[in-house]
N, C-alpha and C. Protein backbone atom coordinates (compact mmCIF):
# COMPACT_ATOMS: atom_id res chain seq x y z
N MET A 1 0.11 -14.39 -4.73
CA MET A 1 1.21 -13.62 -5.28
C MET A 1 2.41 -14.53 -5.49
N ASN A 2 3.19 -14.20 -6.49
CA ASN A 2 4.42 -14.95 -6.71
C ASN A 2 5.61 -14.11 -6.22
N THR A 3 6.79 -14.68 -6.33
CA THR A 3 7.98 -14.00 -5.82
C THR A 3 8.23 -12.67 -6.52
N ALA A 4 8.10 -12.63 -7.84
CA ALA A 4 8.36 -11.38 -8.59
C ALA A 4 7.38 -10.29 -8.17
N GLN A 5 6.11 -10.63 -8.01
CA GLN A 5 5.11 -9.64 -7.59
C GLN A 5 5.40 -9.15 -6.17
N THR A 6 5.84 -10.05 -5.32
CA THR A 6 6.16 -9.69 -3.95
C THR A 6 7.33 -8.72 -3.91
N ILE A 7 8.36 -9.01 -4.68
CA ILE A 7 9.53 -8.13 -4.73
C ILE A 7 9.13 -6.75 -5.24
N GLN A 8 8.30 -6.70 -6.26
CA GLN A 8 7.85 -5.41 -6.80
C GLN A 8 7.06 -4.63 -5.75
N ALA A 9 6.18 -5.31 -5.02
CA ALA A 9 5.39 -4.64 -3.99
C ALA A 9 6.28 -4.13 -2.86
N LEU A 10 7.21 -4.96 -2.42
CA LEU A 10 8.10 -4.54 -1.34
C LEU A 10 9.00 -3.39 -1.79
N ARG A 11 9.45 -3.43 -3.03
CA ARG A 11 10.28 -2.34 -3.57
C ARG A 11 9.47 -1.04 -3.59
N ALA A 12 8.20 -1.13 -3.97
CA ALA A 12 7.35 0.07 -4.01
C ALA A 12 7.14 0.64 -2.61
N LEU A 13 7.06 -0.21 -1.61
CA LEU A 13 6.82 0.25 -0.24
C LEU A 13 8.10 0.67 0.48
N ALA A 14 9.25 0.43 -0.14
CA ALA A 14 10.54 0.68 0.51
C ALA A 14 11.00 2.13 0.35
N HIS A 15 10.09 3.06 0.54
CA HIS A 15 10.41 4.48 0.51
C HIS A 15 9.48 5.16 1.50
N ASP A 16 10.01 6.06 2.30
CA ASP A 16 9.20 6.63 3.37
C ASP A 16 7.92 7.33 2.88
N HIS A 17 7.98 8.07 1.78
CA HIS A 17 6.77 8.75 1.29
C HIS A 17 5.76 7.76 0.71
N ARG A 18 6.23 6.75 -0.02
CA ARG A 18 5.30 5.77 -0.58
C ARG A 18 4.66 4.94 0.53
N LEU A 19 5.45 4.57 1.52
CA LEU A 19 4.89 3.82 2.64
C LEU A 19 3.87 4.66 3.39
N ALA A 20 4.17 5.92 3.61
CA ALA A 20 3.22 6.81 4.29
C ALA A 20 1.94 6.96 3.48
N ALA A 21 2.07 7.12 2.17
CA ALA A 21 0.88 7.24 1.30
C ALA A 21 0.05 5.98 1.36
N TYR A 22 0.71 4.84 1.28
CA TYR A 22 -0.02 3.57 1.30
C TYR A 22 -0.74 3.38 2.64
N ARG A 23 -0.07 3.70 3.73
CA ARG A 23 -0.70 3.56 5.04
C ARG A 23 -1.91 4.49 5.18
N GLU A 24 -1.81 5.70 4.65
CA GLU A 24 -2.96 6.62 4.67
C GLU A 24 -4.13 6.02 3.88
N LEU A 25 -3.83 5.43 2.73
CA LEU A 25 -4.89 4.85 1.91
C LEU A 25 -5.51 3.62 2.56
N VAL A 26 -4.70 2.81 3.20
CA VAL A 26 -5.24 1.65 3.91
C VAL A 26 -6.15 2.13 5.04
N GLN A 27 -5.71 3.15 5.75
CA GLN A 27 -6.50 3.69 6.85
C GLN A 27 -7.81 4.32 6.35
N ALA A 28 -7.79 4.88 5.16
CA ALA A 28 -8.98 5.53 4.61
C ALA A 28 -10.10 4.54 4.32
N GLY A 29 -9.76 3.29 4.17
CA GLY A 29 -10.78 2.27 3.91
C GLY A 29 -11.12 2.17 2.43
N PRO A 30 -12.14 1.38 2.12
CA PRO A 30 -12.51 1.11 0.72
C PRO A 30 -12.89 2.35 -0.07
N ALA A 31 -13.35 3.40 0.59
CA ALA A 31 -13.73 4.63 -0.13
C ALA A 31 -12.51 5.35 -0.68
N GLY A 32 -11.33 5.10 -0.11
CA GLY A 32 -10.11 5.76 -0.58
C GLY A 32 -10.11 7.24 -0.28
N MET A 33 -9.28 7.96 -1.02
CA MET A 33 -9.13 9.40 -0.83
C MET A 33 -8.93 10.07 -2.17
N ALA A 34 -9.33 11.32 -2.24
CA ALA A 34 -8.99 12.13 -3.41
C ALA A 34 -7.49 12.37 -3.37
N VAL A 35 -6.86 12.40 -4.52
CA VAL A 35 -5.42 12.61 -4.58
C VAL A 35 -5.03 13.91 -3.89
N GLY A 36 -5.82 14.95 -4.06
CA GLY A 36 -5.53 16.23 -3.40
C GLY A 36 -5.56 16.11 -1.89
N GLU A 37 -6.50 15.34 -1.38
CA GLU A 37 -6.59 15.13 0.07
C GLU A 37 -5.35 14.37 0.58
N LEU A 38 -4.94 13.36 -0.18
CA LEU A 38 -3.74 12.60 0.19
C LEU A 38 -2.51 13.52 0.15
N ARG A 39 -2.44 14.35 -0.87
CA ARG A 39 -1.31 15.29 -0.99
C ARG A 39 -1.28 16.23 0.22
N ASP A 40 -2.44 16.71 0.65
CA ASP A 40 -2.49 17.59 1.82
C ASP A 40 -2.06 16.85 3.09
N GLN A 41 -2.46 15.60 3.22
CA GLN A 41 -2.09 14.80 4.40
C GLN A 41 -0.58 14.61 4.48
N LEU A 42 0.03 14.39 3.31
CA LEU A 42 1.46 14.08 3.27
C LEU A 42 2.34 15.31 3.08
N ASP A 43 1.73 16.43 2.71
CA ASP A 43 2.45 17.68 2.46
C ASP A 43 3.57 17.47 1.43
N LEU A 44 3.18 16.90 0.27
CA LEU A 44 4.13 16.66 -0.82
C LEU A 44 3.74 17.49 -2.04
N PRO A 45 4.71 17.91 -2.84
CA PRO A 45 4.38 18.59 -4.10
C PRO A 45 3.62 17.63 -5.02
N PRO A 46 2.72 18.17 -5.84
CA PRO A 46 1.91 17.31 -6.72
C PRO A 46 2.73 16.35 -7.58
N ALA A 47 3.79 16.83 -8.20
CA ALA A 47 4.58 15.97 -9.08
C ALA A 47 5.25 14.84 -8.30
N THR A 48 5.69 15.14 -7.10
CA THR A 48 6.34 14.13 -6.26
C THR A 48 5.34 13.05 -5.88
N LEU A 49 4.14 13.46 -5.45
CA LEU A 49 3.12 12.48 -5.08
C LEU A 49 2.74 11.63 -6.29
N THR A 50 2.60 12.25 -7.44
CA THR A 50 2.26 11.51 -8.67
C THR A 50 3.30 10.44 -8.95
N ALA A 51 4.56 10.78 -8.84
CA ALA A 51 5.62 9.80 -9.08
C ALA A 51 5.54 8.63 -8.09
N HIS A 52 5.28 8.94 -6.83
CA HIS A 52 5.17 7.89 -5.82
C HIS A 52 3.93 7.02 -6.07
N LEU A 53 2.82 7.64 -6.41
CA LEU A 53 1.60 6.87 -6.69
C LEU A 53 1.78 5.99 -7.92
N ASN A 54 2.54 6.46 -8.90
CA ASN A 54 2.81 5.63 -10.08
C ASN A 54 3.56 4.36 -9.70
N GLN A 55 4.47 4.45 -8.75
CA GLN A 55 5.20 3.26 -8.27
C GLN A 55 4.25 2.30 -7.56
N LEU A 56 3.39 2.83 -6.70
CA LEU A 56 2.42 1.98 -6.00
C LEU A 56 1.43 1.36 -6.97
N ARG A 57 1.02 2.13 -7.97
CA ARG A 57 0.09 1.64 -8.99
C ARG A 57 0.73 0.52 -9.80
N ALA A 58 1.98 0.70 -10.20
CA ALA A 58 2.69 -0.32 -11.00
C ALA A 58 2.85 -1.62 -10.23
N ALA A 59 2.95 -1.53 -8.91
CA ALA A 59 3.07 -2.73 -8.07
C ALA A 59 1.71 -3.35 -7.77
N GLY A 60 0.64 -2.69 -8.23
CA GLY A 60 -0.70 -3.22 -8.01
C GLY A 60 -1.23 -2.97 -6.61
N LEU A 61 -0.59 -2.09 -5.87
CA LEU A 61 -1.01 -1.85 -4.49
C LEU A 61 -2.13 -0.83 -4.37
N VAL A 62 -2.29 0.01 -5.39
CA VAL A 62 -3.37 1.00 -5.38
C VAL A 62 -4.06 1.02 -6.74
N THR A 63 -5.29 1.48 -6.72
CA THR A 63 -6.05 1.71 -7.95
C THR A 63 -6.58 3.14 -7.89
N ASP A 64 -6.94 3.66 -9.03
CA ASP A 64 -7.54 4.98 -9.03
C ASP A 64 -8.73 5.01 -9.97
N GLU A 65 -9.58 6.01 -9.73
CA GLU A 65 -10.80 6.17 -10.51
C GLU A 65 -11.10 7.66 -10.61
N ARG A 66 -11.41 8.09 -11.82
CA ARG A 66 -11.76 9.50 -12.02
C ARG A 66 -13.22 9.69 -11.65
N GLU A 67 -13.47 10.70 -10.83
CA GLU A 67 -14.84 11.09 -10.43
C GLU A 67 -15.01 12.56 -10.80
N GLY A 68 -15.37 12.81 -12.04
CA GLY A 68 -15.46 14.19 -12.51
C GLY A 68 -14.07 14.79 -12.59
N ARG A 69 -13.81 15.83 -11.82
CA ARG A 69 -12.50 16.48 -11.82
C ARG A 69 -11.56 15.91 -10.77
N VAL A 70 -12.05 14.96 -9.99
CA VAL A 70 -11.28 14.40 -8.89
C VAL A 70 -10.82 12.99 -9.23
N ILE A 71 -9.59 12.67 -8.86
CA ILE A 71 -9.10 11.29 -8.98
C ILE A 71 -9.08 10.71 -7.58
N ARG A 72 -9.82 9.62 -7.41
CA ARG A 72 -9.89 8.94 -6.12
C ARG A 72 -8.96 7.74 -6.17
N ILE A 73 -8.12 7.63 -5.17
CA ILE A 73 -7.16 6.54 -5.11
C ILE A 73 -7.49 5.65 -3.93
N ARG A 74 -7.36 4.34 -4.15
CA ARG A 74 -7.71 3.36 -3.12
C ARG A 74 -6.62 2.31 -2.99
N ALA A 75 -6.44 1.84 -1.77
CA ALA A 75 -5.55 0.69 -1.56
C ALA A 75 -6.25 -0.54 -2.13
N ASP A 76 -5.49 -1.41 -2.74
CA ASP A 76 -6.02 -2.68 -3.23
C ASP A 76 -5.84 -3.70 -2.11
N TYR A 77 -6.91 -3.93 -1.36
CA TYR A 77 -6.83 -4.80 -0.19
C TYR A 77 -6.57 -6.26 -0.55
N GLU A 78 -7.06 -6.69 -1.69
CA GLU A 78 -6.80 -8.07 -2.12
C GLU A 78 -5.30 -8.26 -2.35
N ARG A 79 -4.68 -7.29 -2.98
CA ARG A 79 -3.23 -7.36 -3.22
C ARG A 79 -2.46 -7.29 -1.91
N MET A 80 -2.91 -6.40 -1.00
CA MET A 80 -2.27 -6.28 0.31
C MET A 80 -2.35 -7.61 1.05
N ASN A 81 -3.52 -8.22 1.05
CA ASN A 81 -3.68 -9.51 1.72
C ASN A 81 -2.86 -10.61 1.04
N GLY A 82 -2.71 -10.52 -0.28
CA GLY A 82 -1.87 -11.47 -0.99
C GLY A 82 -0.42 -11.34 -0.59
N LEU A 83 0.04 -10.09 -0.41
CA LEU A 83 1.41 -9.85 0.03
C LEU A 83 1.63 -10.40 1.43
N ILE A 84 0.71 -10.10 2.33
CA ILE A 84 0.82 -10.60 3.70
C ILE A 84 0.78 -12.13 3.71
N GLY A 85 -0.10 -12.70 2.91
CA GLY A 85 -0.20 -14.15 2.82
C GLY A 85 1.09 -14.78 2.31
N PHE A 86 1.69 -14.17 1.29
CA PHE A 86 2.95 -14.68 0.76
C PHE A 86 4.04 -14.64 1.82
N LEU A 87 4.10 -13.54 2.56
CA LEU A 87 5.15 -13.37 3.56
C LEU A 87 4.97 -14.30 4.76
N THR A 88 3.75 -14.71 5.04
CA THR A 88 3.49 -15.53 6.23
C THR A 88 3.08 -16.96 5.89
N LYS A 89 3.17 -17.34 4.64
CA LYS A 89 2.68 -18.65 4.19
C LYS A 89 3.26 -19.80 5.00
N ASN A 90 4.52 -19.78 5.26
CA ASN A 90 5.16 -20.88 5.99
C ASN A 90 5.58 -20.45 7.39
N CYS A 91 4.85 -19.51 7.94
CA CYS A 91 5.17 -18.99 9.27
C CYS A 91 5.21 -20.11 10.30
N CYS A 92 6.23 -20.08 11.09
CA CYS A 92 6.40 -21.02 12.22
C CYS A 92 6.39 -22.47 11.77
N GLY A 93 6.86 -22.73 10.56
CA GLY A 93 6.95 -24.11 10.07
C GLY A 93 5.62 -24.81 9.97
N GLY A 94 4.56 -24.05 9.73
CA GLY A 94 3.23 -24.64 9.58
C GLY A 94 2.48 -24.80 10.89
N LYS A 95 3.12 -24.48 12.01
CA LYS A 95 2.46 -24.56 13.31
C LYS A 95 1.72 -23.26 13.58
N SER A 96 0.67 -23.32 14.33
CA SER A 96 -0.08 -22.13 14.69
C SER A 96 0.73 -21.30 15.67
N CYS A 97 1.03 -20.08 15.29
CA CYS A 97 1.81 -19.23 16.19
C CYS A 97 1.22 -17.83 16.32
N ALA A 98 0.45 -17.41 15.35
CA ALA A 98 -0.22 -16.11 15.35
C ALA A 98 0.62 -15.00 15.99
N PRO A 99 1.65 -14.53 15.28
CA PRO A 99 2.47 -13.44 15.84
C PRO A 99 1.62 -12.24 16.21
N ALA A 100 1.95 -11.59 17.30
CA ALA A 100 1.18 -10.44 17.78
C ALA A 100 1.40 -9.26 16.86
N ALA A 101 0.29 -8.68 16.37
CA ALA A 101 0.37 -7.55 15.46
C ALA A 101 0.92 -6.30 16.14
N GLY A 102 0.70 -6.17 17.43
CA GLY A 102 1.12 -4.96 18.14
C GLY A 102 2.53 -5.03 18.68
N LYS A 103 3.22 -6.13 18.47
CA LYS A 103 4.57 -6.30 19.02
C LYS A 103 5.52 -5.31 18.35
N LYS A 104 6.33 -4.64 19.15
CA LYS A 104 7.28 -3.65 18.64
C LYS A 104 8.47 -4.32 17.99
N LEU A 105 8.93 -3.74 16.88
CA LEU A 105 10.15 -4.20 16.21
C LEU A 105 11.35 -3.56 16.88
N ARG A 106 12.46 -4.23 16.85
CA ARG A 106 13.69 -3.68 17.43
C ARG A 106 14.44 -2.88 16.43
């Protein structure tokens, strides 16, 4: 990922509903979720969820696929890993530090 793509991805995730949607999709795994199922999980109006998904889609963080009458949405794990890689590329000045994933933020 480059700087512009990273900024777009972070901007897309910088909203509580979009971040919640993205986390649900990451948790769902490669199979993803039907949009209706995601809407039920988040308890959002359809138009609101659509607007949020459009932001995540534009940032390349999610993909969707029509399955008959259902639209299945999936997290793009390659893009997610690219974002994480960009953010941690020069972590600890190139020294091995492996920050703890479970460490609480202040």
